[in-house]
Amino acid sequence: MSKEQLIEKVKEIIKPYTTNNEAYENLTEDTDFINDLNINSANLVDIVLDIEQIFDVVIDNTDMELMLDVRTAVEIIETKLAKK
């Protein structure tokens, strides 16, 4: 799966949790889940659980704490998929 495909998939996953539609429509790798998309920490956990289910990976607490923006989320997913 290409990086662009991963970004699109992450974008689909976070859509139900964002309250800032403008930031969502202009999403880039630098988009911050909390500051830009107004996603709260409880919903971040839901996003991580969705990512685990959709990509069939396990994200540990250390990685979860780092997963605050699109770029980091995609990098973590790429790393987990490469280890499968």
N, C-alpha and C. Protein backbone atom coordinates (compact mmCIF):
# COMPACT_ATOMS: atom_id res chain seq x y z
N MET A 1 0.85 -1.18 0.00
CA MET A 1 0.00 0.00 0.00
C MET A 1 0.90 1.25 0.00
N SER A 2 0.62 2.18 -0.89
CA SER A 2 1.44 3.39 -0.99
C SER A 2 1.14 4.34 0.16
N LYS A 3 2.03 5.30 0.37
CA LYS A 3 1.85 6.29 1.43
C LYS A 3 0.56 7.08 1.19
N GLU A 4 0.29 7.43 -0.07
CA GLU A 4 -0.92 8.19 -0.40
C GLU A 4 -2.17 7.38 -0.06
N GLN A 5 -2.14 6.08 -0.34
CA GLN A 5 -3.27 5.21 -0.01
C GLN A 5 -3.46 5.13 1.51
N LEU A 6 -2.35 5.06 2.24
CA LEU A 6 -2.43 5.02 3.70
C LEU A 6 -3.03 6.31 4.24
N ILE A 7 -2.59 7.44 3.69
CA ILE A 7 -3.13 8.73 4.14
C ILE A 7 -4.63 8.78 3.88
N GLU A 8 -5.06 8.33 2.72
CA GLU A 8 -6.50 8.33 2.40
C GLU A 8 -7.28 7.42 3.36
N LYS A 9 -6.70 6.27 3.69
CA LYS A 9 -7.36 5.35 4.61
C LYS A 9 -7.45 5.96 6.01
N VAL A 10 -6.36 6.59 6.46
CA VAL A 10 -6.38 7.26 7.77
C VAL A 10 -7.43 8.37 7.75
N LYS A 11 -7.51 9.09 6.65
CA LYS A 11 -8.50 10.17 6.53
C LYS A 11 -9.92 9.61 6.67
N GLU A 12 -10.18 8.48 6.04
CA GLU A 12 -11.50 7.84 6.17
C GLU A 12 -11.78 7.44 7.62
N ILE A 13 -10.76 6.93 8.30
CA ILE A 13 -10.91 6.46 9.67
C ILE A 13 -11.24 7.63 10.61
N ILE A 14 -10.58 8.77 10.43
CA ILE A 14 -10.76 9.88 11.37
C ILE A 14 -12.00 10.73 11.09
N LYS A 15 -12.59 10.60 9.91
CA LYS A 15 -13.73 11.44 9.54
C LYS A 15 -14.84 11.49 10.59
N PRO A 16 -15.29 10.35 11.14
CA PRO A 16 -16.39 10.43 12.11
C PRO A 16 -16.03 11.14 13.42
N TYR A 17 -14.74 11.33 13.66
CA TYR A 17 -14.31 11.87 14.95
C TYR A 17 -13.95 13.36 14.91
N THR A 18 -13.81 13.93 13.72
CA THR A 18 -13.40 15.32 13.62
C THR A 18 -14.60 16.27 13.67
N THR A 19 -14.37 17.43 14.26
CA THR A 19 -15.41 18.45 14.30
C THR A 19 -15.03 19.66 13.45
N ASN A 20 -13.82 19.66 12.90
CA ASN A 20 -13.37 20.77 12.08
C ASN A 20 -13.33 20.31 10.62
N ASN A 21 -14.44 20.49 9.93
CA ASN A 21 -14.54 20.00 8.56
C ASN A 21 -13.59 20.69 7.60
N GLU A 22 -13.32 21.96 7.83
CA GLU A 22 -12.39 22.69 6.95
C GLU A 22 -10.99 22.09 7.03
N ALA A 23 -10.52 21.86 8.25
CA ALA A 23 -9.20 21.25 8.44
C ALA A 23 -9.18 19.84 7.87
N TYR A 24 -10.29 19.13 8.02
CA TYR A 24 -10.39 17.77 7.49
C TYR A 24 -10.27 17.78 5.96
N GLU A 25 -10.96 18.69 5.31
CA GLU A 25 -10.93 18.77 3.85
C GLU A 25 -9.55 19.15 3.33
N ASN A 26 -8.78 19.89 4.14
CA ASN A 26 -7.44 20.33 3.75
C ASN A 26 -6.35 19.49 4.42
N LEU A 27 -6.69 18.28 4.83
CA LEU A 27 -5.78 17.41 5.57
C LEU A 27 -4.49 17.16 4.80
N THR A 28 -3.36 17.28 5.52
CA THR A 28 -2.04 16.96 4.97
C THR A 28 -1.34 16.06 5.98
N GLU A 29 -0.11 15.68 5.67
CA GLU A 29 0.66 14.87 6.61
C GLU A 29 0.92 15.62 7.91
N ASP A 30 0.92 16.94 7.85
CA ASP A 30 1.22 17.75 9.02
C ASP A 30 -0.01 18.05 9.88
N THR A 31 -1.18 17.58 9.46
CA THR A 31 -2.41 17.84 10.21
C THR A 31 -2.34 17.15 11.57
N ASP A 32 -2.56 17.94 12.61
CA ASP A 32 -2.55 17.44 13.98
C ASP A 32 -3.97 17.03 14.37
N PHE A 33 -4.11 15.84 14.92
CA PHE A 33 -5.44 15.33 15.26
C PHE A 33 -6.15 16.20 16.30
N ILE A 34 -5.42 16.61 17.33
CA ILE A 34 -6.05 17.37 18.42
C ILE A 34 -6.19 18.85 18.07
N ASN A 35 -5.08 19.49 17.68
CA ASN A 35 -5.09 20.94 17.46
C ASN A 35 -5.80 21.35 16.19
N ASP A 36 -5.65 20.58 15.11
CA ASP A 36 -6.26 20.97 13.84
C ASP A 36 -7.66 20.40 13.66
N LEU A 37 -7.84 19.14 14.01
CA LEU A 37 -9.12 18.47 13.74
C LEU A 37 -10.06 18.45 14.95
N ASN A 38 -9.59 18.98 16.08
CA ASN A 38 -10.41 19.04 17.30
C ASN A 38 -10.88 17.66 17.76
N ILE A 39 -10.03 16.67 17.60
CA ILE A 39 -10.35 15.32 18.06
C ILE A 39 -9.88 15.19 19.51
N ASN A 40 -10.77 14.74 20.39
CA ASN A 40 -10.37 14.64 21.80
C ASN A 40 -9.61 13.34 22.06
N SER A 41 -9.00 13.27 23.23
CA SER A 41 -8.13 12.13 23.53
C SER A 41 -8.89 10.80 23.57
N ALA A 42 -10.13 10.82 24.02
CA ALA A 42 -10.92 9.58 24.02
C ALA A 42 -11.16 9.09 22.60
N ASN A 43 -11.42 10.01 21.70
CA ASN A 43 -11.62 9.62 20.30
C ASN A 43 -10.32 9.19 19.64
N LEU A 44 -9.19 9.71 20.12
CA LEU A 44 -7.90 9.25 19.59
C LEU A 44 -7.73 7.76 19.86
N VAL A 45 -8.16 7.33 21.03
CA VAL A 45 -8.10 5.90 21.37
C VAL A 45 -8.98 5.11 20.40
N ASP A 46 -10.17 5.63 20.11
CA ASP A 46 -11.06 4.96 19.14
C ASP A 46 -10.41 4.88 17.77
N ILE A 47 -9.72 5.94 17.37
CA ILE A 47 -9.05 5.95 16.07
C ILE A 47 -7.97 4.88 16.04
N VAL A 48 -7.19 4.77 17.11
CA VAL A 48 -6.14 3.75 17.17
C VAL A 48 -6.76 2.36 17.09
N LEU A 49 -7.85 2.15 17.80
CA LEU A 49 -8.53 0.84 17.75
C LEU A 49 -9.03 0.55 16.33
N ASP A 50 -9.57 1.57 15.67
CA ASP A 50 -10.01 1.40 14.28
C ASP A 50 -8.84 1.06 13.36
N ILE A 51 -7.73 1.75 13.55
CA ILE A 51 -6.53 1.48 12.75
C ILE A 51 -6.06 0.04 12.97
N GLU A 52 -6.05 -0.39 14.23
CA GLU A 52 -5.63 -1.77 14.53
C GLU A 52 -6.52 -2.77 13.81
N GLN A 53 -7.82 -2.53 13.84
CA GLN A 53 -8.76 -3.46 13.23
C GLN A 53 -8.64 -3.46 11.71
N ILE A 54 -8.60 -2.29 11.11
CA ILE A 54 -8.60 -2.19 9.64
C ILE A 54 -7.30 -2.70 9.04
N PHE A 55 -6.17 -2.39 9.69
CA PHE A 55 -4.87 -2.80 9.16
C PHE A 55 -4.37 -4.11 9.76
N ASP A 56 -5.11 -4.68 10.71
CA ASP A 56 -4.73 -5.92 11.38
C ASP A 56 -3.32 -5.82 11.97
N VAL A 57 -3.13 -4.76 12.77
CA VAL A 57 -1.86 -4.54 13.46
C VAL A 57 -2.15 -4.28 14.94
N VAL A 58 -1.10 -4.35 15.75
CA VAL A 58 -1.22 -4.03 17.17
C VAL A 58 -0.37 -2.79 17.42
N ILE A 59 -0.98 -1.78 18.02
CA ILE A 59 -0.28 -0.54 18.32
C ILE A 59 -0.11 -0.45 19.83
N ASP A 60 1.14 -0.46 20.28
CA ASP A 60 1.39 -0.43 21.71
C ASP A 60 1.22 0.99 22.26
N ASN A 61 1.25 1.12 23.57
CA ASN A 61 1.02 2.41 24.22
C ASN A 61 2.03 3.47 23.80
N THR A 62 3.29 3.07 23.63
CA THR A 62 4.31 4.03 23.23
C THR A 62 3.97 4.63 21.87
N ASP A 63 3.63 3.78 20.91
CA ASP A 63 3.26 4.27 19.59
C ASP A 63 1.98 5.09 19.64
N MET A 64 1.04 4.66 20.46
CA MET A 64 -0.23 5.38 20.58
C MET A 64 0.00 6.81 21.07
N GLU A 65 0.91 6.98 22.02
CA GLU A 65 1.20 8.31 22.55
C GLU A 65 1.84 9.21 21.50
N LEU A 66 2.53 8.62 20.54
CA LEU A 66 3.19 9.40 19.48
C LEU A 66 2.24 9.73 18.33
N MET A 67 1.15 9.02 18.23
CA MET A 67 0.25 9.11 17.08
C MET A 67 -0.67 10.33 17.21
N LEU A 68 -0.10 11.52 17.04
CA LEU A 68 -0.85 12.75 17.22
C LEU A 68 -1.08 13.52 15.91
N ASP A 69 -0.44 13.07 14.85
CA ASP A 69 -0.65 13.72 13.56
C ASP A 69 -0.66 12.67 12.46
N VAL A 70 -1.06 13.11 11.28
CA VAL A 70 -1.22 12.17 10.16
C VAL A 70 0.11 11.52 9.81
N ARG A 71 1.18 12.31 9.73
CA ARG A 71 2.49 11.79 9.33
C ARG A 71 2.93 10.66 10.26
N THR A 72 2.86 10.89 11.57
CA THR A 72 3.29 9.88 12.54
C THR A 72 2.40 8.65 12.48
N ALA A 73 1.10 8.86 12.33
CA ALA A 73 0.18 7.72 12.23
C ALA A 73 0.54 6.84 11.03
N VAL A 74 0.79 7.48 9.89
CA VAL A 74 1.13 6.73 8.68
C VAL A 74 2.47 6.01 8.85
N GLU A 75 3.45 6.68 9.47
CA GLU A 75 4.76 6.05 9.69
C GLU A 75 4.63 4.82 10.59
N ILE A 76 3.84 4.94 11.63
CA ILE A 76 3.64 3.81 12.56
C ILE A 76 2.93 2.66 11.84
N ILE A 77 1.91 2.98 11.06
CA ILE A 77 1.20 1.93 10.30
C ILE A 77 2.15 1.26 9.32
N GLU A 78 2.95 2.05 8.61
CA GLU A 78 3.91 1.48 7.65
C GLU A 78 4.88 0.54 8.36
N THR A 79 5.37 0.94 9.51
CA THR A 79 6.31 0.11 10.27
C THR A 79 5.65 -1.20 10.70
N LYS A 80 4.43 -1.10 11.20
CA LYS A 80 3.71 -2.30 11.66
C LYS A 80 3.41 -3.24 10.49
N LEU A 81 3.01 -2.67 9.36
CA LEU A 81 2.71 -3.51 8.19
C LEU A 81 3.97 -4.18 7.66
N ALA A 82 5.09 -3.50 7.72
CA ALA A 82 6.36 -4.06 7.24
C ALA A 82 6.80 -5.27 8.08
N LYS A 83 6.39 -5.28 9.35
CA LYS A 83 6.78 -6.37 10.25
C LYS A 83 5.89 -7.59 10.12
N LYS A 84 4.79 -7.48 9.38
CA LYS A 84 3.86 -8.60 9.26
C LYS A 84 4.39 -9.67 8.35
